[in-house]
């Protein structure tokens, strides 16, 4: 065992002292944060786009502007609720009533929100589409502006025309060169639906004020659960946190395993191509070498986990004064043994499983190019959990997800996702035992392949012949 530890120390120090390891260690949290923030950043940095309306009168234009104002009002209400959850001195109902009073007095949305919460107005989403006066009344004349050949003046300076609503024909038409972004077209459909509803009420002799009264009298639907942690049963982030944490643990487990097992692959290929195996095997036995390599990279993985955990804990401590109580209660479940224990077991067995596979494949290859052809099926299998994780958030009790959890190569990642649904204890234990048994089988088979590659110099040709022999085909003799 001491010699295995020496091999583990050699492997660990070889990777821990490399500048690439520390660069990747620091870049990974930044890249993950950027991946979370990037969609909203892309949306916020989208330049203002102009659109025009051609109609007889201004019925559609007025309805569209009213719809956009109503949307801005809803955004302001959401911001007030969010700020009230952060500020214990701010009473949500009082703040919302003050906002409504400001609107009733004639203030616009930004001014009304500024009165209630001075700093909250900065959180209002910027206008993404601006209505401009069309420079022509026909589609043919507007085509150069839609194609970008000509610019149209507007509040943000000269820009091409993004879209135009033509309401003068038998049916309203939306024209735009952007065939992917349909957000403005969808907005137009909802406005037409609102106008049709108002016309129907008016034709039936029902006052239009009834529509606004219906909106004001519509009660909020309270979402509650018998398993909620709150006394009232109201669902909050604290109730949803176990699902998100489980998904996060599973993704980080995948990222960690996928990152560190590559060290085993590249290191083994380098040692095989440089004939370092011969020198190592004069000092240690093959089981000690295999154990030491797995143990050394496992220590590297624990270093990664320690650094990431320290960074995450430090961030939570620094931001604890700005975290709402329900979010803080949800984050505290990260250390829950119900989630943490299966995650640690899955990490250990998943690492041993895939680490042994990568070690075995690396022992058969002299170059990375050779390894890539063997790795393709393994990488495809490892990509499957990433395809299942987004679906698992909204469908954690799916039958397909349940059966996929029993697939040995997927079990380390998916068993964690099902923990928040509180499956029977015997099922979780059975999956862990099944995963342990399959891992032991993989390690046994990998040790045989590793011996053939490291000691006897077997390569891809021998591996191919062996697989062909399994299906009863005799390999062609090699010249």
Protein backbone atom coordinates (compact mmCIF):
# COMPACT_ATOMS: atom_id res chain seq x y z
CA UNK A 1 0.00 0.00 0.00
CA UNK A 2 2.91 2.33 0.72
CA UNK A 3 4.19 1.95 -2.84
CA UNK A 4 0.72 2.68 -4.20
CA UNK A 5 0.74 5.84 -2.10
CA UNK A 6 4.10 6.82 -3.59
CA UNK A 7 2.65 6.45 -7.08
CA UNK A 8 -0.39 8.49 -6.00
CA UNK A 9 1.86 11.23 -4.62
CA UNK A 10 3.85 11.28 -7.86
CA UNK A 11 0.69 11.62 -9.94
CA UNK A 12 -0.77 14.27 -7.64
CA UNK A 13 2.33 16.45 -7.57
CA UNK A 14 2.78 16.14 -11.32
CA UNK A 15 -0.65 17.68 -11.93
CA UNK A 16 -0.94 20.03 -8.95
CA UNK A 17 2.27 21.84 -9.88
CA UNK A 18 1.21 22.42 -13.49
CA UNK A 19 0.08 25.96 -14.24
CA UNK A 20 -2.64 24.62 -16.55
CA UNK A 21 -4.35 22.92 -13.60
CA UNK A 22 -4.60 26.14 -11.60
CA UNK A 23 -5.66 28.11 -14.66
CA UNK A 24 -8.47 25.65 -15.29
CA UNK A 25 -9.36 25.66 -11.60
CA UNK A 26 -9.84 29.44 -11.60
CA UNK A 27 -11.47 29.66 -15.00
CA UNK A 28 -14.14 27.01 -14.31
CA UNK A 29 -16.17 29.02 -11.70
CA UNK A 30 -15.88 32.09 -13.89
CA UNK A 31 -17.04 30.16 -16.95
CA UNK A 32 -19.98 28.65 -15.07
CA UNK A 33 -21.03 32.08 -13.75
CA UNK A 34 -20.69 33.52 -17.22
CA UNK A 35 -22.80 30.68 -18.62
CA UNK A 36 -25.58 31.55 -16.16
CA UNK A 37 -25.39 35.32 -16.72
CA UNK A 38 -24.61 35.32 -20.43
CA UNK A 39 -28.19 34.82 -21.72
CA UNK A 40 -29.46 37.82 -19.75
CA UNK A 41 -26.38 39.85 -20.70
CA UNK A 42 -26.99 39.09 -24.37
CA UNK A 43 -30.60 40.16 -24.00
CA UNK A 44 -29.69 43.36 -22.17
CA UNK A 45 -27.01 44.35 -24.68
CA UNK A 46 -29.28 43.81 -27.68
CA UNK A 47 -29.46 47.16 -29.51
CA UNK A 48 -32.77 48.99 -29.69
CA UNK A 49 -34.80 47.94 -32.72
CA UNK A 50 -37.24 50.19 -34.55
CA UNK A 51 -40.65 49.14 -35.78
CA UNK A 52 -43.46 51.03 -37.51
CA UNK A 53 -47.21 50.69 -37.86
CA UNK A 54 -49.19 51.55 -40.99
CA UNK A 55 -52.92 51.85 -40.31
CA UNK A 56 -55.92 54.03 -40.89
CA UNK A 57 -56.24 55.88 -37.60
CA UNK A 58 -54.30 54.87 -34.48
CA UNK A 59 -56.35 52.11 -32.83
CA UNK A 60 -53.68 49.41 -33.10
CA UNK A 61 -50.86 51.83 -32.22
CA UNK A 62 -52.65 53.02 -29.08
CA UNK A 63 -53.50 49.46 -28.03
CA UNK A 64 -49.87 48.40 -28.59
CA UNK A 65 -48.51 51.27 -26.49
CA UNK A 66 -51.04 50.51 -23.74
CA UNK A 67 -50.02 46.85 -23.79
CA UNK A 68 -46.34 47.78 -23.44
CA UNK A 69 -47.17 50.11 -20.55
CA UNK A 70 -49.13 47.37 -18.80
CA UNK A 71 -46.16 45.05 -19.19
CA UNK A 72 -43.86 47.66 -17.69
CA UNK A 73 -46.27 48.08 -14.77
CA UNK A 74 -46.19 44.32 -14.10
CA UNK A 75 -42.39 44.41 -14.20
CA UNK A 76 -42.43 47.25 -11.65
CA UNK A 77 -44.76 45.32 -9.36
CA UNK A 78 -42.45 42.29 -9.55
CA UNK A 79 -39.47 44.49 -8.66
CA UNK A 80 -41.34 45.90 -5.65
CA UNK A 81 -42.16 42.38 -4.43
CA UNK A 82 -38.55 41.31 -4.89
CA UNK A 83 -37.19 44.33 -3.02
CA UNK A 84 -39.68 43.77 -0.21
CA UNK A 85 -38.33 40.23 0.21
CA UNK A 86 -34.83 41.69 0.68
CA UNK A 87 -35.79 44.67 2.87
CA UNK A 88 -37.58 43.66 6.10
CA UNK A 89 -38.57 47.33 6.70
CA UNK A 90 -40.44 47.49 3.39
CA UNK A 91 -44.01 46.17 3.61
CA UNK A 92 -45.02 44.67 0.29
CA UNK A 93 -48.74 45.54 0.38
CA UNK A 94 -48.07 49.12 1.48
CA UNK A 95 -45.44 49.61 -1.22
CA UNK A 96 -47.68 48.19 -3.94
CA UNK A 97 -50.57 50.42 -2.86
CA UNK A 98 -48.31 53.47 -2.90
CA UNK A 99 -47.20 52.54 -6.42
CA UNK A 100 -50.81 52.24 -7.59
CA UNK A 101 -51.65 55.61 -6.01
CA UNK A 102 -48.78 57.26 -7.89
CA UNK A 103 -50.00 55.78 -11.16
CA UNK A 104 -53.54 56.94 -10.45
CA UNK A 105 -52.26 60.49 -9.87
CA UNK A 106 -50.83 60.58 -13.40
CA UNK A 107 -47.18 59.63 -12.82
CA UNK A 108 -45.49 57.39 -15.35
CA UNK A 109 -44.19 53.96 -14.37
CA UNK A 110 -40.57 55.02 -13.79
CA UNK A 111 -41.52 58.01 -11.62
CA UNK A 112 -44.04 55.97 -9.62
CA UNK A 113 -41.49 53.24 -8.96
CA UNK A 114 -38.84 55.81 -8.02
CA UNK A 115 -41.15 57.29 -5.36
CA UNK A 116 -41.80 53.88 -3.79
CA UNK A 117 -38.29 52.45 -4.17
CA UNK A 118 -35.73 55.01 -5.37
CA UNK A 119 -33.06 52.50 -6.43
CA UNK A 120 -35.47 49.94 -7.90
CA UNK A 121 -36.16 51.95 -11.07
CA UNK A 122 -32.71 50.95 -12.32
CA UNK A 123 -33.88 47.33 -12.42
CA UNK A 124 -36.64 48.04 -14.96
CA UNK A 125 -35.88 46.31 -18.26
CA UNK A 126 -34.75 48.61 -21.04
CA UNK A 127 -36.98 49.08 -24.03
CA UNK A 128 -36.04 46.57 -26.69
CA UNK A 129 -38.40 47.83 -29.41
CA UNK A 130 -39.20 51.46 -30.18
CA UNK A 131 -42.12 52.65 -32.28
CA UNK A 132 -41.11 55.17 -34.96
CA UNK A 133 -43.05 57.06 -37.60
CA UNK A 134 -42.85 55.27 -40.94
CA UNK A 135 -41.12 57.21 -43.68
CA UNK A 136 -43.50 55.73 -46.26
CA UNK A 137 -46.99 54.26 -46.43
CA UNK A 138 -46.39 51.26 -48.68
CA UNK A 139 -44.44 48.07 -48.23
CA UNK A 140 -42.48 48.59 -51.45
CA UNK A 141 -41.22 51.93 -50.22
CA UNK A 142 -40.32 50.46 -46.82
CA UNK A 143 -38.36 47.46 -48.16
CA UNK A 144 -35.02 49.37 -48.33
CA UNK A 145 -35.44 50.26 -44.63
CA UNK A 146 -36.30 46.67 -43.70
CA UNK A 147 -33.28 45.33 -45.60
CA UNK A 148 -30.92 47.87 -44.02
CA UNK A 149 -30.10 49.67 -47.28
CA UNK A 150 -31.63 52.84 -45.83
CA UNK A 151 -31.74 54.05 -42.23
CA UNK A 152 -34.67 55.55 -40.42
CA UNK A 153 -34.31 58.29 -37.80
CA UNK A 154 -35.43 57.59 -34.26
CA UNK A 155 -34.67 58.26 -30.58
CA UNK A 156 -31.54 56.05 -30.71
CA UNK A 157 -30.22 57.57 -33.93
CA UNK A 158 -30.35 56.27 -37.48
CA UNK A 159 -31.07 52.55 -37.61
CA UNK A 160 -32.61 50.04 -40.01
CA UNK A 161 -36.29 49.20 -39.61
CA UNK A 162 -36.66 45.90 -37.78
CA UNK A 163 -40.33 45.29 -38.56
CA UNK A 164 -43.53 46.91 -39.74
CA UNK A 165 -47.18 46.15 -38.96
CA UNK A 166 -49.45 46.75 -41.93
CA UNK A 167 -53.05 47.02 -40.73
CA UNK A 168 -54.67 48.52 -43.86
CA UNK A 169 -55.45 45.30 -45.78
CA UNK A 170 -58.04 42.60 -45.32
CA UNK A 171 -55.86 40.98 -42.65
CA UNK A 172 -53.09 42.44 -40.47
CA UNK A 173 -49.59 41.54 -41.68
CA UNK A 174 -46.26 41.62 -39.86
CA UNK A 175 -43.15 42.12 -42.04
CA UNK A 176 -39.58 41.62 -40.85
CA UNK A 177 -36.34 40.24 -42.25
CA UNK A 178 -35.68 38.50 -38.92
CA UNK A 179 -37.38 35.11 -39.32
CA UNK A 180 -36.24 33.80 -35.90
CA UNK A 181 -37.16 36.48 -33.36
CA UNK A 182 -40.95 36.49 -33.11
CA UNK A 183 -41.28 38.36 -29.80
CA UNK A 184 -42.61 41.52 -31.45
CA UNK A 185 -44.99 39.51 -33.66
CA UNK A 186 -46.26 37.67 -30.56
CA UNK A 187 -46.79 40.99 -28.87
CA UNK A 188 -48.86 42.11 -31.86
CA UNK A 189 -51.00 38.96 -31.68
CA UNK A 190 -51.77 39.56 -28.01
CA UNK A 191 -52.70 43.17 -28.75
CA UNK A 192 -55.07 42.08 -31.55
CA UNK A 193 -56.63 39.57 -29.16
CA UNK A 194 -57.11 42.30 -26.57
CA UNK A 195 -58.69 44.60 -29.18
CA UNK A 196 -61.02 41.83 -30.36
CA UNK A 197 -62.09 41.18 -26.78
CA UNK A 198 -62.83 44.86 -26.23
CA UNK A 199 -64.82 45.08 -29.47
CA UNK A 200 -66.84 42.01 -28.50
CA UNK A 201 -67.66 43.48 -25.09
CA UNK A 202 -68.60 46.80 -26.66
CA UNK A 203 -70.83 45.15 -29.28
CA UNK A 204 -72.60 43.30 -26.47
CA UNK A 205 -73.22 46.56 -24.64
CA UNK A 206 -70.83 45.77 -21.82
CA UNK A 207 -68.82 48.81 -20.60
CA UNK A 208 -65.12 48.55 -21.33
CA UNK A 209 -64.37 49.43 -17.73
CA UNK A 210 -65.58 45.94 -16.88
CA UNK A 211 -62.34 44.53 -18.35
CA UNK A 212 -60.19 46.58 -15.98
CA UNK A 213 -62.52 45.73 -13.10
CA UNK A 214 -62.13 42.03 -13.91
CA UNK A 215 -58.35 42.38 -13.79
CA UNK A 216 -58.47 44.19 -10.45
CA UNK A 217 -60.89 41.67 -8.97
CA UNK A 218 -58.94 38.64 -10.16
CA UNK A 219 -57.32 37.15 -7.04
CA UNK A 220 -53.75 35.95 -7.04
CA UNK A 221 -53.44 32.17 -7.07
CA UNK A 222 -51.55 31.11 -3.99
CA UNK A 223 -49.20 28.21 -4.67
CA UNK A 224 -48.94 25.95 -1.61
CA UNK A 225 -47.80 22.46 -0.84
CA UNK A 226 -48.40 20.08 2.07
CA UNK A 227 -44.66 19.45 2.17
CA UNK A 228 -43.73 23.16 2.35
CA UNK A 229 -41.31 24.19 5.09
CA UNK A 230 -43.42 27.26 5.91
CA UNK A 231 -46.27 27.10 8.40
CA UNK A 232 -48.74 28.49 5.86
CA UNK A 233 -47.75 25.93 3.22
CA UNK A 234 -46.70 28.64 0.76
CA UNK A 235 -44.16 27.35 -1.77
CA UNK A 236 -40.87 29.25 -1.76
CA UNK A 237 -37.31 28.73 -2.94
CA UNK A 238 -36.65 26.80 0.25
CA UNK A 239 -39.03 24.09 -1.04
CA UNK A 240 -37.63 24.12 -4.58
CA UNK A 241 -33.98 24.25 -3.50
CA UNK A 242 -33.46 20.47 -3.10
CA UNK A 243 -34.35 19.94 -6.77
CA UNK A 244 -32.05 22.71 -8.01
CA UNK A 245 -29.26 21.62 -5.66
CA UNK A 246 -29.58 18.02 -6.85
CA UNK A 247 -29.37 19.15 -10.49
CA UNK A 248 -26.37 21.34 -9.62
CA UNK A 249 -24.62 18.51 -7.78
CA UNK A 250 -25.21 16.17 -10.70
CA UNK A 251 -23.85 18.68 -13.22
CA UNK A 252 -20.80 19.47 -11.08
CA UNK A 253 -20.22 15.75 -10.63
CA UNK A 254 -20.28 15.30 -14.40
CA UNK A 255 -17.98 18.28 -14.90
CA UNK A 256 -15.55 17.07 -12.25
CA UNK A 257 -15.38 13.49 -13.49
CA UNK A 258 -15.11 14.53 -17.11
CA UNK A 259 -12.31 16.96 -16.24
CA UNK A 260 -10.10 14.74 -14.10
CA UNK A 261 -10.38 11.42 -15.96
CA UNK A 262 -8.74 13.09 -18.95
CA UNK A 263 -5.62 13.43 -16.81
CA UNK A 264 -5.58 9.65 -16.45
CA UNK A 265 -5.96 9.18 -20.19
CA UNK A 266 -3.30 11.66 -21.31
CA UNK A 267 -0.86 10.62 -18.56
CA UNK A 268 -1.17 6.94 -19.45
CA UNK A 269 -0.70 7.60 -23.18
CA UNK A 270 2.38 9.70 -22.45
CA UNK A 271 3.90 7.02 -20.24
CA UNK A 272 3.18 4.30 -22.81
CA UNK A 273 4.63 6.26 -25.73
CA UNK A 274 7.74 7.22 -23.71
CA UNK A 275 8.26 3.67 -22.37
CA UNK A 276 7.95 4.90 -18.78
CA UNK A 277 5.87 1.86 -17.84
CA UNK A 278 8.96 -0.35 -17.91
CA UNK A 279 10.73 1.84 -15.35
CA UNK A 280 7.69 2.08 -13.08
CA UNK A 281 7.02 -1.64 -13.10
CA UNK A 282 10.55 -2.36 -11.89
CA UNK A 283 9.64 -0.62 -8.61
CA UNK A 284 5.94 -1.34 -8.10
CA UNK A 285 3.52 -4.08 -9.06
CA UNK A 286 0.79 -3.53 -11.62
CA UNK A 287 -2.07 -3.40 -9.05
CA UNK A 288 -0.06 -0.86 -7.02
CA UNK A 289 0.52 1.23 -10.15
CA UNK A 290 -3.14 1.15 -11.11
CA UNK A 291 -4.28 1.92 -7.57
CA UNK A 292 -1.76 4.73 -7.20
CA UNK A 293 -2.85 6.41 -10.43
CA UNK A 294 -6.51 6.29 -9.46
CA UNK A 295 -5.74 7.51 -5.94
CA UNK A 296 -3.50 10.35 -7.18
CA UNK A 297 -6.10 11.82 -9.50
CA UNK A 298 -8.76 11.28 -6.82
CA UNK A 299 -6.66 13.50 -4.52
CA UNK A 300 -6.58 16.03 -7.37
CA UNK A 301 -10.37 15.86 -7.56
CA UNK A 302 -10.68 16.45 -3.83
CA UNK A 303 -8.44 19.50 -4.22
CA UNK A 304 -10.80 20.85 -6.87
CA UNK A 305 -13.81 20.18 -4.65
CA UNK A 306 -12.14 21.88 -1.67
CA UNK A 307 -11.25 25.02 -3.63
CA UNK A 308 -14.69 25.29 -5.24
CA UNK A 309 -16.43 24.69 -1.91
CA UNK A 310 -14.28 27.36 -0.26
CA UNK A 311 -15.04 29.87 -3.01
CA UNK A 312 -18.77 29.11 -2.86
CA UNK A 313 -18.91 29.33 0.92
CA UNK A 314 -16.96 32.60 0.93
CA UNK A 315 -19.34 34.10 -1.61
CA UNK A 316 -22.40 33.07 0.42
CA UNK A 317 -20.88 34.50 3.62
CA UNK A 318 -20.03 37.80 1.93
CA UNK A 319 -23.49 38.09 0.37
CA UNK A 320 -25.51 36.80 3.32
CA UNK A 321 -26.95 40.24 4.13
CA UNK A 322 -28.44 40.55 0.64
CA UNK A 323 -29.82 37.02 0.36
CA UNK A 324 -33.60 36.73 1.05
CA UNK A 325 -34.53 34.46 3.97
CA UNK A 326 -36.18 31.80 1.78
CA UNK A 327 -33.13 31.66 -0.50
CA UNK A 328 -30.84 31.39 2.53
CA UNK A 329 -32.98 28.56 3.89
CA UNK A 330 -32.77 26.82 0.53
CA UNK A 331 -29.00 27.18 0.24
CA UNK A 332 -28.55 25.77 3.73
CA UNK A 333 -29.78 22.42 2.36
CA UNK A 334 -26.55 22.03 0.38
CA UNK A 335 -25.07 20.36 3.46
CA UNK A 336 -28.10 18.11 3.97
CA UNK A 337 -26.91 14.50 4.45
CA UNK A 338 -29.88 13.32 2.38
CA UNK A 339 -28.31 15.02 -0.67
CA UNK A 340 -24.65 15.09 0.30
CA UNK A 341 -24.13 11.41 1.11
CA UNK A 342 -25.50 10.03 -2.20
CA UNK A 343 -23.54 12.71 -4.05
CA UNK A 344 -20.25 11.73 -2.43
CA UNK A 345 -20.89 8.01 -3.03
CA UNK A 346 -21.85 8.71 -6.64
CA UNK A 347 -18.75 10.81 -7.14
CA UNK A 348 -16.42 8.16 -5.74
CA UNK A 349 -17.95 5.27 -7.70
CA UNK A 350 -18.44 7.34 -10.84
CA UNK A 351 -14.83 8.47 -10.73
CA UNK A 352 -13.55 4.92 -10.24
CA UNK A 353 -15.80 3.67 -13.01
CA UNK A 354 -14.86 6.21 -15.69
CA UNK A 355 -11.29 6.59 -14.42
CA UNK A 356 -10.70 2.87 -14.89
CA UNK A 357 -12.19 3.02 -18.38
CA UNK A 358 -9.96 5.92 -19.38
CA UNK A 359 -6.90 4.23 -17.87
CA UNK A 360 -7.62 1.06 -19.82
CA UNK A 361 -8.15 2.91 -23.08
CA UNK A 362 -5.03 4.99 -22.55
CA UNK A 363 -2.92 1.87 -22.01
CA UNK A 364 -3.84 0.67 -25.53
CA UNK A 365 -2.95 3.87 -27.37
CA UNK A 366 0.31 5.52 -28.32
CA UNK A 367 -1.22 8.85 -29.37
CA UNK A 368 -4.25 10.99 -28.53
CA UNK A 369 -5.49 10.49 -32.08
CA UNK A 370 -5.69 6.73 -31.50
CA UNK A 371 -7.55 7.27 -28.24
CA UNK A 372 -10.17 9.50 -29.82
CA UNK A 373 -11.62 6.66 -31.90
CA UNK A 374 -11.99 4.51 -28.77
CA UNK A 375 -13.30 7.36 -26.63
CA UNK A 376 -16.17 8.37 -28.92
CA UNK A 377 -18.70 5.83 -27.51
CA UNK A 378 -17.72 6.70 -23.92
CA UNK A 379 -18.05 10.44 -24.54
CA UNK A 380 -21.46 9.94 -26.16
CA UNK A 381 -22.62 8.02 -23.10
CA UNK A 382 -21.25 10.72 -20.81
CA UNK A 383 -23.18 13.38 -22.75
CA UNK A 384 -26.51 11.65 -22.08
CA UNK A 385 -26.84 12.97 -18.49
CA UNK A 386 -26.49 16.53 -19.78
CA UNK A 387 -29.45 15.92 -22.08
CA UNK A 388 -31.52 14.45 -19.24
CA UNK A 389 -30.74 17.01 -16.52
CA UNK A 390 -32.80 19.93 -17.97
CA UNK A 391 -35.80 17.61 -18.36
CA UNK A 392 -35.32 16.24 -14.86
CA UNK A 393 -35.93 19.67 -13.33
CA UNK A 394 -39.59 19.74 -14.37
CA UNK A 395 -40.13 15.97 -14.61
CA UNK A 396 -38.21 14.45 -11.68
CA UNK A 397 -40.64 11.52 -11.35
CA UNK A 398 -40.58 10.55 -15.02
CA UNK A 399 -40.73 6.81 -15.65
CA UNK A 400 -38.00 7.12 -18.28
CA UNK A 401 -35.78 8.95 -15.80
CA UNK A 402 -36.48 6.24 -13.23
CA UNK A 403 -35.37 3.44 -15.55
CA UNK A 404 -32.43 5.45 -16.89
CA UNK A 405 -31.15 5.65 -13.33
CA UNK A 406 -30.57 1.88 -13.45
CA UNK A 407 -28.25 2.18 -16.47
CA UNK A 408 -24.85 1.70 -14.75
CA UNK A 409 -22.94 4.39 -16.65
CA UNK A 410 -25.74 6.91 -15.97
CA UNK A 411 -26.48 5.94 -12.38
CA UNK A 412 -23.80 8.17 -10.74
CA UNK A 413 -25.38 11.27 -12.27
CA UNK A 414 -29.09 10.45 -12.19
CA UNK A 415 -29.41 8.85 -8.76
CA UNK A 416 -28.78 12.29 -7.22
CA UNK A 417 -31.55 13.89 -9.28
CA UNK A 418 -34.18 11.53 -7.88
CA UNK A 419 -33.27 12.09 -4.21
CA UNK A 420 -35.54 15.19 -3.76
CA UNK A 421 -38.55 13.10 -4.88
CA UNK A 422 -37.92 10.93 -1.80
CA UNK A 423 -37.74 7.51 -3.48
CA UNK A 424 -37.92 4.44 -1.21
CA UNK A 425 -34.75 3.87 0.78
CA UNK A 426 -34.42 0.32 -0.55
CA UNK A 427 -34.42 1.68 -4.11
CA UNK A 428 -31.61 4.13 -3.41
CA UNK A 429 -29.60 1.47 -1.61
CA UNK A 430 -30.19 -1.00 -4.44
CA UNK A 431 -28.99 1.53 -7.01
CA UNK A 432 -25.87 2.25 -4.95
CA UNK A 433 -25.14 -1.48 -4.56
CA UNK A 434 -25.74 -1.99 -8.29
CA UNK A 435 -23.42 0.92 -9.07
CA UNK A 436 -20.79 -0.49 -6.69
CA UNK A 437 -21.01 -3.95 -8.30
CA UNK A 438 -20.72 -2.57 -11.82
CA UNK A 439 -17.78 -0.37 -10.75
CA UNK A 440 -16.00 -3.44 -9.36
CA UNK A 441 -16.60 -5.24 -12.67
CA UNK A 442 -15.25 -2.28 -14.63
CA UNK A 443 -12.14 -2.10 -12.43
CA UNK A 444 -11.53 -5.83 -12.90
CA UNK A 445 -11.89 -5.63 -16.68
CA UNK A 446 -9.82 -2.43 -16.85
CA UNK A 447 -7.01 -4.06 -14.88
CA UNK A 448 -6.88 -6.89 -17.44
CA UNK A 449 -6.77 -4.44 -20.34
CA UNK A 450 -4.27 -2.27 -18.49
CA UNK A 451 -1.99 -5.27 -18.00
CA UNK A 452 -2.26 -6.17 -21.68
CA UNK A 453 -1.44 -2.61 -22.76
CA UNK A 454 1.12 -1.59 -20.12
CA UNK A 455 2.99 -4.86 -19.70
CA UNK A 456 2.54 -6.76 -22.94
CA UNK A 457 2.35 -3.77 -25.25
CA UNK A 458 -1.07 -4.60 -26.70
CA UNK A 459 -2.52 -1.91 -28.89
CA UNK A 460 -5.67 -0.99 -30.76
CA UNK A 461 -5.18 -3.86 -33.22
CA UNK A 462 -5.30 -6.48 -30.48
CA UNK A 463 -8.32 -4.79 -28.89
CA UNK A 464 -10.14 -4.75 -32.21
CA UNK A 465 -9.36 -8.42 -32.81
CA UNK A 466 -10.63 -9.31 -29.36
CA UNK A 467 -13.94 -7.51 -29.90
CA UNK A 468 -14.35 -9.13 -33.32
CA UNK A 469 -13.75 -12.50 -31.70
CA UNK A 470 -16.64 -11.88 -29.33
CA UNK A 471 -19.01 -11.90 -32.29
CA UNK A 472 -17.55 -15.02 -33.88
CA UNK A 473 -15.53 -13.29 -36.57
CA UNK A 474 -12.00 -14.37 -37.09
CA UNK A 475 -9.56 -11.48 -37.44
CA UNK A 476 -7.65 -11.22 -40.65
CA UNK A 477 -4.00 -12.17 -40.29
CA UNK A 478 -1.73 -9.17 -40.12
CA UNK A 479 1.24 -9.04 -42.44
